[in-house]
């Protein structure tokens, strides 16, 4: 990779990018410290978010399954009765 390609990829010279990252890290660190948020808290929040999202997905599937069962309790007997009555009519 040539120097121009590296600079283009990084968004500047390596020294400039390093300086910007150090400055931004310091600013974000001050803000997070003022909000009393530790780095591990951020990781815990992200993990909890993914777990809640995962559980919501399976809760939704469970709800859909229960709707299916509730509907089937009504639909299947009605369908069975209509089939039995239509059999009697076509046989006569």
PDB file of N, CA and C in Angstrom:
ATOM      1  N   UNK A   1       0.863  -1.180   0.000  1.00  0.00           N
ATOM      2  CA  UNK A   1       0.000   0.000   0.000  1.00  0.00           C
ATOM      3  C   UNK A   1       0.897   1.228   0.000  1.00  0.00           C
ATOM      4  N   UNK A   2       0.676   2.117  -0.921  1.00  0.00           N
ATOM      5  CA  UNK A   2       1.511   3.314  -0.990  1.00  0.00           C
ATOM      6  C   UNK A   2       1.099   4.304   0.092  1.00  0.00           C
ATOM      7  N   UNK A   3       1.956   5.314   0.282  1.00  0.00           N
ATOM      8  CA  UNK A   3       1.698   6.309   1.334  1.00  0.00           C
ATOM      9  C   UNK A   3       0.405   7.068   1.073  1.00  0.00           C
ATOM     10  N   UNK A   4       0.129   7.421  -0.191  1.00  0.00           N
ATOM     11  CA  UNK A   4      -1.114   8.132  -0.511  1.00  0.00           C
ATOM     12  C   UNK A   4      -2.342   7.279  -0.226  1.00  0.00           C
ATOM     13  N   UNK A   5      -2.256   5.990  -0.517  1.00  0.00           N
ATOM     14  CA  UNK A   5      -3.372   5.090  -0.242  1.00  0.00           C
ATOM     15  C   UNK A   5      -3.610   4.979   1.265  1.00  0.00           C
ATOM     16  N   UNK A   6      -2.524   4.886   2.013  1.00  0.00           N
ATOM     17  CA  UNK A   6      -2.638   4.807   3.472  1.00  0.00           C
ATOM     18  C   UNK A   6      -3.248   6.085   4.034  1.00  0.00           C
ATOM     19  N   UNK A   7      -2.784   7.235   3.571  1.00  0.00           N
ATOM     20  CA  UNK A   7      -3.335   8.514   4.031  1.00  0.00           C
ATOM     21  C   UNK A   7      -4.813   8.634   3.682  1.00  0.00           C
ATOM     22  N   UNK A   8      -5.168   8.193   2.474  1.00  0.00           N
ATOM     23  CA  UNK A   8      -6.564   8.253   2.055  1.00  0.00           C
ATOM     24  C   UNK A   8      -7.423   7.333   2.920  1.00  0.00           C
ATOM     25  N   UNK A   9      -6.900   6.135   3.221  1.00  0.00           N
ATOM     26  CA  UNK A   9      -7.623   5.183   4.059  1.00  0.00           C
ATOM     27  C   UNK A   9      -7.808   5.721   5.477  1.00  0.00           C
ATOM     28  N   UNK A  10      -6.757   6.290   6.041  1.00  0.00           N
ATOM     29  CA  UNK A  10      -6.826   6.790   7.417  1.00  0.00           C
ATOM     30  C   UNK A  10      -7.548   8.129   7.521  1.00  0.00           C
ATOM     31  N   UNK A  11      -7.581   8.889   6.450  1.00  0.00           N
ATOM     32  CA  UNK A  11      -8.186  10.219   6.491  1.00  0.00           C
ATOM     33  C   UNK A  11      -7.173  11.293   6.834  1.00  0.00           C
ATOM     34  N   UNK A  12      -5.940  11.035   6.644  1.00  0.00           N
ATOM     35  CA  UNK A  12      -4.856  11.973   6.925  1.00  0.00           C
ATOM     36  C   UNK A  12      -3.584  11.200   7.168  1.00  0.00           C
ATOM     37  N   UNK A  13      -2.528  11.912   7.553  1.00  0.00           N
ATOM     38  CA  UNK A  13      -1.280  11.216   7.860  1.00  0.00           C
ATOM     39  C   UNK A  13      -1.456  10.444   9.154  1.00  0.00           C
ATOM     40  N   UNK A  14      -0.686   9.381   9.346  1.00  0.00           N
ATOM     41  CA  UNK A  14      -0.819   8.599  10.574  1.00  0.00           C
ATOM     42  C   UNK A  14      -0.660   9.450  11.841  1.00  0.00           C
ATOM     43  N   UNK A  15       0.253  10.417  11.832  1.00  0.00           N
ATOM     44  CA  UNK A  15       0.458  11.267  13.019  1.00  0.00           C
ATOM     45  C   UNK A  15      -0.781  12.128  13.287  1.00  0.00           C
ATOM     46  N   UNK A  16      -1.365  12.706  12.231  1.00  0.00           N
ATOM     47  CA  UNK A  16      -2.571  13.523  12.411  1.00  0.00           C
ATOM     48  C   UNK A  16      -3.732  12.685  12.943  1.00  0.00           C
ATOM     49  N   UNK A  17      -3.889  11.505  12.381  1.00  0.00           N
ATOM     50  CA  UNK A  17      -4.979  10.634  12.807  1.00  0.00           C
ATOM     51  C   UNK A  17      -4.780  10.208  14.256  1.00  0.00           C
ATOM     52  N   UNK A  18      -3.558   9.864  14.618  1.00  0.00           N
ATOM     53  CA  UNK A  18      -3.262   9.476  15.996  1.00  0.00           C
ATOM     54  C   UNK A  18      -3.570  10.617  16.952  1.00  0.00           C
ATOM     55  N   UNK A  19      -3.160  11.820  16.592  1.00  0.00           N
ATOM     56  CA  UNK A  19      -3.426  12.994  17.430  1.00  0.00           C
ATOM     57  C   UNK A  19      -4.930  13.236  17.578  1.00  0.00           C
ATOM     58  N   UNK A  20      -5.671  13.129  16.476  1.00  0.00           N
ATOM     59  CA  UNK A  20      -7.135  13.298  16.538  1.00  0.00           C
ATOM     60  C   UNK A  20      -7.784  12.238  17.420  1.00  0.00           C
ATOM     61  N   UNK A  21      -7.341  10.996  17.280  1.00  0.00           N
ATOM     62  CA  UNK A  21      -7.915   9.915  18.087  1.00  0.00           C
ATOM     63  C   UNK A  21      -7.614  10.095  19.568  1.00  0.00           C
ATOM     64  N   UNK A  22      -6.404  10.526  19.890  1.00  0.00           N
ATOM     65  CA  UNK A  22      -6.059  10.771  21.299  1.00  0.00           C
ATOM     66  C   UNK A  22      -6.928  11.886  21.861  1.00  0.00           C
ATOM     67  N   UNK A  23      -7.089  12.973  21.102  1.00  0.00           N
ATOM     68  CA  UNK A  23      -7.903  14.102  21.561  1.00  0.00           C
ATOM     69  C   UNK A  23      -9.365  13.684  21.742  1.00  0.00           C
ATOM     70  N   UNK A  24      -9.918  12.999  20.750  1.00  0.00           N
ATOM     71  CA  UNK A  24     -11.321  12.570  20.850  1.00  0.00           C
ATOM     72  C   UNK A  24     -11.522  11.574  21.989  1.00  0.00           C
ATOM     73  N   UNK A  25     -10.565  10.682  22.191  1.00  0.00           N
ATOM     74  CA  UNK A  25     -10.652   9.729  23.293  1.00  0.00           C
ATOM     75  C   UNK A  25     -10.672  10.453  24.633  1.00  0.00           C
ATOM     76  N   UNK A  26      -9.844  11.495  24.763  1.00  0.00           N
ATOM     77  CA  UNK A  26      -9.815  12.275  25.999  1.00  0.00           C
ATOM     78  C   UNK A  26     -11.155  12.972  26.219  1.00  0.00           C
ATOM     79  N   UNK A  27     -11.691  13.619  25.191  1.00  0.00           N
ATOM     80  CA  UNK A  27     -12.967  14.343  25.316  1.00  0.00           C
ATOM     81  C   UNK A  27     -14.099  13.381  25.680  1.00  0.00           C
ATOM     82  N   UNK A  28     -14.181  12.265  24.971  1.00  0.00           N
ATOM     83  CA  UNK A  28     -15.232  11.289  25.262  1.00  0.00           C
ATOM     84  C   UNK A  28     -15.046  10.715  26.663  1.00  0.00           C
ATOM     85  N   UNK A  29     -13.812  10.482  27.066  1.00  0.00           N
ATOM     86  CA  UNK A  29     -13.546   9.989  28.419  1.00  0.00           C
ATOM     87  C   UNK A  29     -14.018  10.962  29.485  1.00  0.00           C
ATOM     88  N   UNK A  30     -13.796  12.262  29.278  1.00  0.00           N
ATOM     89  CA  UNK A  30     -14.252  13.277  30.235  1.00  0.00           C
ATOM     90  C   UNK A  30     -15.779  13.278  30.308  1.00  0.00           C
ATOM     91  N   UNK A  31     -16.429  13.215  29.143  1.00  0.00           N
ATOM     92  CA  UNK A  31     -17.904  13.234  29.107  1.00  0.00           C
ATOM     93  C   UNK A  31     -18.468  11.994  29.794  1.00  0.00           C
ATOM     94  N   UNK A  32     -17.926  10.830  29.485  1.00  0.00           N
ATOM     95  CA  UNK A  32     -18.426   9.599  30.103  1.00  0.00           C
ATOM     96  C   UNK A  32     -18.155   9.592  31.607  1.00  0.00           C
ATOM     97  N   UNK A  33     -17.027  10.133  32.011  1.00  0.00           N
ATOM     98  CA  UNK A  33     -16.720  10.220  33.434  1.00  0.00           C
ATOM     99  C   UNK A  33     -17.700  11.150  34.139  1.00  0.00           C
ATOM    100  N   UNK A  34     -18.047  12.266  33.498  1.00  0.00           N
ATOM    101  CA  UNK A  34     -19.020  13.193  34.078  1.00  0.00           C
ATOM    102  C   UNK A  34     -20.400  12.545  34.189  1.00  0.00           C
ATOM    103  N   UNK A  35     -20.719  11.669  33.261  1.00  0.00           N
ATOM    104  CA  UNK A  35     -21.997  10.952  33.304  1.00  0.00           C
ATOM    105  C   UNK A  35     -21.925   9.703  34.177  1.00  0.00           C
ATOM    106  N   UNK A  36     -20.771   9.454  34.774  1.00  0.00           N
ATOM    107  CA  UNK A  36     -20.522   8.305  35.643  1.00  0.00           C
ATOM    108  C   UNK A  36     -20.766   6.986  34.909  1.00  0.00           C
ATOM    109  N   UNK A  37     -20.233   6.902  33.701  1.00  0.00           N
ATOM    110  CA  UNK A  37     -20.356   5.691  32.897  1.00  0.00           C
ATOM    111  C   UNK A  37     -18.956   5.131  32.678  1.00  0.00           C
ATOM    112  N   UNK A  38     -18.769   3.880  33.092  1.00  0.00           N
ATOM    113  CA  UNK A  38     -17.475   3.209  32.914  1.00  0.00           C
ATOM    114  C   UNK A  38     -17.498   2.421  31.599  1.00  0.00           C
ATOM    115  N   UNK A  39     -16.335   2.136  31.034  1.00  0.00           N
ATOM    116  CA  UNK A  39     -16.297   1.364  29.787  1.00  0.00           C
ATOM    117  C   UNK A  39     -17.007   0.017  29.893  1.00  0.00           C
ATOM    118  N   UNK A  40     -16.856  -0.652  31.026  1.00  0.00           N
ATOM    119  CA  UNK A  40     -17.538  -1.943  31.194  1.00  0.00           C
ATOM    120  C   UNK A  40     -19.052  -1.764  31.251  1.00  0.00           C
ATOM    121  N   UNK A  41     -19.523  -0.620  31.765  1.00  0.00           N
ATOM    122  CA  UNK A  41     -20.956  -0.336  31.752  1.00  0.00           C
ATOM    123  C   UNK A  41     -21.478  -0.253  30.322  1.00  0.00           C
ATOM    124  N   UNK A  42     -20.706   0.348  29.440  1.00  0.00           N
ATOM    125  CA  UNK A  42     -21.107   0.437  28.037  1.00  0.00           C
ATOM    126  C   UNK A  42     -21.209  -0.946  27.408  1.00  0.00           C
ATOM    127  N   UNK A  43     -20.244  -1.807  27.731  1.00  0.00           N
ATOM    128  CA  UNK A  43     -20.271  -3.171  27.200  1.00  0.00           C
ATOM    129  C   UNK A  43     -21.469  -3.918  27.760  1.00  0.00           C
ATOM    130  N   UNK A  44     -21.739  -3.771  29.073  1.00  0.00           N
ATOM    131  CA  UNK A  44     -22.901  -4.416  29.680  1.00  0.00           C
ATOM    132  C   UNK A  44     -24.201  -3.923  29.053  1.00  0.00           C
ATOM    133  N   UNK A  45     -24.293  -2.617  28.793  1.00  0.00           N
ATOM    134  CA  UNK A  45     -25.495  -2.068  28.170  1.00  0.00           C
ATOM    135  C   UNK A  45     -25.695  -2.658  26.778  1.00  0.00           C
ATOM    136  N   UNK A  46     -24.622  -2.788  26.025  1.00  0.00           N
ATOM    137  CA  UNK A  46     -24.729  -3.344  24.671  1.00  0.00           C
ATOM    138  C   UNK A  46     -25.145  -4.807  24.715  1.00  0.00           C
ATOM    139  N   UNK A  47     -24.559  -5.572  25.631  1.00  0.00           N
ATOM    140  CA  UNK A  47     -24.914  -6.989  25.757  1.00  0.00           C
ATOM    141  C   UNK A  47     -26.369  -7.133  26.205  1.00  0.00           C
ATOM    142  N   UNK A  48     -26.786  -6.341  27.192  1.00  0.00           N
ATOM    143  CA  UNK A  48     -28.177  -6.402  27.658  1.00  0.00           C
ATOM    144  C   UNK A  48     -29.149  -6.026  26.549  1.00  0.00           C
ATOM    145  N   UNK A  49     -28.777  -5.048  25.720  1.00  0.00           N
ATOM    146  CA  UNK A  49     -29.625  -4.653  24.605  1.00  0.00           C
ATOM    147  C   UNK A  49     -29.819  -5.827  23.643  1.00  0.00           C
ATOM    148  N   UNK A  50     -28.734  -6.513  23.312  1.00  0.00           N
ATOM    149  CA  UNK A  50     -28.822  -7.642  22.383  1.00  0.00           C
ATOM    150  C   UNK A  50     -29.648  -8.770  22.996  1.00  0.00           C
ATOM    151  N   UNK A  51     -29.458  -9.039  24.281  1.00  0.00           N
ATOM    152  CA  UNK A  51     -30.218 -10.101  24.957  1.00  0.00           C
ATOM    153  C   UNK A  51     -31.699  -9.765  24.978  1.00  0.00           C
ATOM    154  N   UNK A  52     -32.050  -8.508  25.300  1.00  0.00           N
ATOM    155  CA  UNK A  52     -33.465  -8.104  25.315  1.00  0.00           C
ATOM    156  C   UNK A  52     -34.067  -8.212  23.925  1.00  0.00           C
ATOM    157  N   UNK A  53     -33.316  -7.805  22.914  1.00  0.00           N
ATOM    158  CA  UNK A  53     -33.787  -7.903  21.533  1.00  0.00           C
ATOM    159  C   UNK A  53     -34.014  -9.362  21.153  1.00  0.00           C
ATOM    160  N   UNK A  54     -33.103 -10.220  21.532  1.00  0.00           N
ATOM    161  CA  UNK A  54     -33.208 -11.656  21.259  1.00  0.00           C
ATOM    162  C   UNK A  54     -34.457 -12.218  21.928  1.00  0.00           C
ATOM    163  N   UNK A  55     -34.646 -11.891  23.207  1.00  0.00           N
ATOM    164  CA  UNK A  55     -35.806 -12.398  23.943  1.00  0.00           C
ATOM    165  C   UNK A  55     -37.109 -11.869  23.368  1.00  0.00           C
ATOM    166  N   UNK A  56     -37.128 -10.603  22.960  1.00  0.00           N
ATOM    167  CA  UNK A  56     -38.334 -10.061  22.348  1.00  0.00           C
ATOM    168  C   UNK A  56     -38.687 -10.815  21.081  1.00  0.00           C
ATOM    169  N   UNK A  57     -37.689 -11.192  20.312  1.00  0.00           N
ATOM    170  CA  UNK A  57     -37.934 -11.949  19.092  1.00  0.00           C
ATOM    171  C   UNK A  57     -38.592 -13.274  19.382  1.00  0.00           C
ATOM    172  N   UNK A  58     -38.108 -13.993  20.386  1.00  0.00           N
ATOM    173  CA  UNK A  58     -38.693 -15.276  20.715  1.00  0.00           C
ATOM    174  C   UNK A  58     -40.031 -15.119  21.427  1.00  0.00           C
ATOM    175  N   UNK A  59     -40.212 -14.042  22.180  1.00  0.00           N
ATOM    176  CA  UNK A  59     -41.527 -13.774  22.768  1.00  0.00           C
ATOM    177  C   UNK A  59     -42.552 -13.543  21.671  1.00  0.00           C
ATOM    178  N   UNK A  60     -42.147 -12.839  20.623  1.00  0.00           N
ATOM    179  CA  UNK A  60     -43.054 -12.596  19.498  1.00  0.00           C
ATOM    180  C   UNK A  60     -43.422 -13.912  18.827  1.00  0.00           C
ATOM    181  N   UNK A  61     -42.433 -14.798  18.645  1.00  0.00           N
ATOM    182  CA  UNK A  61     -42.732 -16.104  18.060  1.00  0.00           C
ATOM    183  C   UNK A  61     -43.673 -16.901  18.954  1.00  0.00           C
ATOM    184  N   UNK A  62     -43.460 -16.807  20.268  1.00  0.00           N
ATOM    185  CA  UNK A  62     -44.354 -17.488  21.208  1.00  0.00           C
ATOM    186  C   UNK A  62     -45.770 -16.951  21.126  1.00  0.00           C
ATOM    187  N   UNK A  63     -45.896 -15.619  20.997  1.00  0.00           N
ATOM    188  CA  UNK A  63     -47.217 -15.009  20.863  1.00  0.00           C
ATOM    189  C   UNK A  63     -47.902 -15.459  19.578  1.00  0.00           C
ATOM    190  N   UNK A  64     -47.141 -15.498  18.487  1.00  0.00           N
ATOM    191  CA  UNK A  64     -47.696 -15.951  17.212  1.00  0.00           C
ATOM    192  C   UNK A  64     -48.157 -17.402  17.342  1.00  0.00           C
ATOM    193  N   UNK A  65     -47.366 -18.213  18.004  1.00  0.00           N
ATOM    194  CA  UNK A  65     -47.745 -19.612  18.218  1.00  0.00           C
ATOM    195  C   UNK A  65     -49.013 -19.735  19.046  1.00  0.00           C
ATOM    196  N   UNK A  66     -49.144 -18.911  20.071  1.00  0.00           N
ATOM    197  CA  UNK A  66     -50.356 -18.988  20.897  1.00  0.00           C
ATOM    198  C   UNK A  66     -51.566 -18.507  20.119  1.00  0.00           C
ATOM    199  N   UNK A  67     -51.409 -17.489  19.264  1.00  0.00           N
ATOM    200  CA  UNK A  67     -52.518 -17.052  18.410  1.00  0.00           C
ATOM    201  C   UNK A  67     -52.939 -18.178  17.474  1.00  0.00           C
ATOM    202  N   UNK A  68     -51.959 -18.896  16.943  1.00  0.00           N
ATOM    203  CA  UNK A  68     -52.243 -20.015  16.055  1.00  0.00           C
ATOM    204  C   UNK A  68     -53.051 -21.090  16.788  1.00  0.00           C
ATOM    205  N   UNK A  69     -52.637 -21.432  17.994  1.00  0.00           N
ATOM    206  CA  UNK A  69     -53.334 -22.477  18.755  1.00  0.00           C
ATOM    207  C   UNK A  69     -54.744 -22.031  19.119  1.00  0.00           C
ATOM    208  N   UNK A  70     -54.901 -20.786  19.567  1.00  0.00           N
ATOM    209  CA  UNK A  70     -56.225 -20.284  19.925  1.00  0.00           C
ATOM    210  C   UNK A  70     -57.143 -20.307  18.700  1.00  0.00           C
ATOM    211  N   UNK A  71     -56.625 -19.861  17.564  1.00  0.00           N
ATOM    212  CA  UNK A  71     -57.416 -19.885  16.331  1.00  0.00           C
ATOM    213  C   UNK A  71     -57.745 -21.303  15.895  1.00  0.00           C
ATOM    214  N   UNK A  72     -56.784 -22.207  16.028  1.00  0.00           N
ATOM    215  CA  UNK A  72     -56.996 -23.589  15.613  1.00  0.00           C
ATOM    216  C   UNK A  72     -58.062 -24.272  16.458  1.00  0.00           C
ATOM    217  N   UNK A  73     -58.162 -23.901  17.726  1.00  0.00           N
ATOM    218  CA  UNK A  73     -59.179 -24.490  18.602  1.00  0.00           C
ATOM    219  C   UNK A  73     -60.576 -24.163  18.077  1.00  0.00           C
ATOM    220  N   UNK A  74     -60.739 -23.030  17.426  1.00  0.00           N
ATOM    221  CA  UNK A  74     -62.038 -22.642  16.873  1.00  0.00           C
ATOM    222  C   UNK A  74     -62.182 -23.138  15.426  1.00  0.00           C
ATOM    223  N   UNK A  75     -61.157 -22.951  14.616  1.00  0.00           N
ATOM    224  CA  UNK A  75     -61.254 -23.215  13.179  1.00  0.00           C
ATOM    225  C   UNK A  75     -61.327 -24.709  12.872  1.00  0.00           C
ATOM    226  N   UNK A  76     -60.508 -25.526  13.490  1.00  0.00           N
ATOM    227  CA  UNK A  76     -60.444 -26.960  13.164  1.00  0.00           C
ATOM    228  C   UNK A  76     -61.786 -27.653  13.434  1.00  0.00           C
ATOM    229  N   UNK A  77     -62.419 -27.466  14.588  1.00  0.00           N
ATOM    230  CA  UNK A  77     -63.731 -28.120  14.782  1.00  0.00           C
ATOM    231  C   UNK A  77     -64.792 -27.634  13.786  1.00  0.00           C
ATOM    232  N   UNK A  78     -64.790 -26.321  13.475  1.00  0.00           N
ATOM    233  CA  UNK A  78     -65.755 -25.809  12.503  1.00  0.00           C
ATOM    234  C   UNK A  78     -65.490 -26.422  11.132  1.00  0.00           C
ATOM    235  N   UNK A  79     -64.236 -26.499  10.737  1.00  0.00           N
ATOM    236  CA  UNK A  79     -63.883 -27.107   9.457  1.00  0.00           C
ATOM    237  C   UNK A  79     -64.302 -28.576   9.432  1.00  0.00           C
ATOM    238  N   UNK A  80     -64.030 -29.274  10.518  1.00  0.00           N
ATOM    239  CA  UNK A  80     -64.386 -30.696  10.599  1.00  0.00           C
ATOM    240  C   UNK A  80     -65.900 -30.882  10.484  1.00  0.00           C
ATOM    241  N   UNK A  81     -66.664 -30.043  11.191  1.00  0.00           N
ATOM    242  CA  UNK A  81     -68.124 -30.131  11.110  1.00  0.00           C
ATOM    243  C   UNK A  81     -68.633 -29.837   9.701  1.00  0.00           C
ATOM    244  N   UNK A  82     -68.084 -28.807   9.062  1.00  0.00           N
ATOM    245  CA  UNK A  82     -68.526 -28.492   7.694  1.00  0.00           C
ATOM    246  C   UNK A  82     -68.178 -29.626   6.739  1.00  0.00           C
ATOM    247  N   UNK A  83     -67.036 -30.247   6.909  1.00  0.00           N
ATOM    248  CA  UNK A  83     -66.665 -31.378   6.056  1.00  0.00           C
ATOM    249  C   UNK A  83     -67.610 -32.553   6.294  1.00  0.00           C
ATOM    250  N   UNK A  84     -67.947 -32.809   7.571  1.00  0.00           N
ATOM    251  CA  UNK A  84     -68.854 -33.935   7.878  1.00  0.00           C
ATOM    252  C   UNK A  84     -70.238 -33.663   7.299  1.00  0.00           C
ATOM    253  N   UNK A  85     -70.747 -32.424   7.437  1.00  0.00           N
ATOM    254  CA  UNK A  85     -72.064 -32.105   6.905  1.00  0.00           C
ATOM    255  C   UNK A  85     -72.071 -32.129   5.385  1.00  0.00           C
ATOM    256  N   UNK A  86     -70.986 -31.675   4.754  1.00  0.00           N
ATOM    257  CA  UNK A  86     -70.950 -31.680   3.293  1.00  0.00           C
ATOM    258  C   UNK A  86     -70.838 -33.106   2.768  1.00  0.00           C
ATOM    259  N   UNK A  87     -70.227 -34.014   3.531  1.00  0.00           N
ATOM    260  CA  UNK A  87     -70.147 -35.422   3.144  1.00  0.00           C
ATOM    261  C   UNK A  87     -71.537 -36.047   3.143  1.00  0.00           C
ATOM    262  N   UNK A  88     -72.303 -35.690   4.158  1.00  0.00           N
ATOM    263  CA  UNK A  88     -73.675 -36.217   4.254  1.00  0.00           C
ATOM    264  C   UNK A  88     -74.527 -35.745   3.120  1.00  0.00           C
ATOM    265  N   UNK A  89     -74.356 -34.486   2.679  1.00  0.00           N
ATOM    266  CA  UNK A  89     -75.166 -33.930   1.584  1.00  0.00           C
ATOM    267  C   UNK A  89     -74.777 -34.560   0.236  1.00  0.00           C
ATOM    268  N   UNK A  90     -73.481 -34.761   0.019  1.00  0.00           N
ATOM    269  CA  UNK A  90     -73.051 -35.285  -1.272  1.00  0.00           C
ATOM    270  C   UNK A  90     -73.357 -36.783  -1.388  1.00  0.00           C
ATOM    271  N   UNK A  91     -73.461 -37.457  -0.255  1.00  0.00           N
ATOM    272  CA  UNK A  91     -73.759 -38.896  -0.253  1.00  0.00           C
ATOM    273  C   UNK A  91     -75.225 -39.171  -0.476  1.00  0.00           C
ATOM    274  N   UNK A  92     -76.098 -38.243  -0.218  1.00  0.00           N
ATOM    275  CA  UNK A  92     -77.547 -38.479  -0.343  1.00  0.00           C
ATOM    276  C   UNK A  92     -78.031 -38.284  -1.733  1.00  0.00           C
TER     277      UNK A  92
END
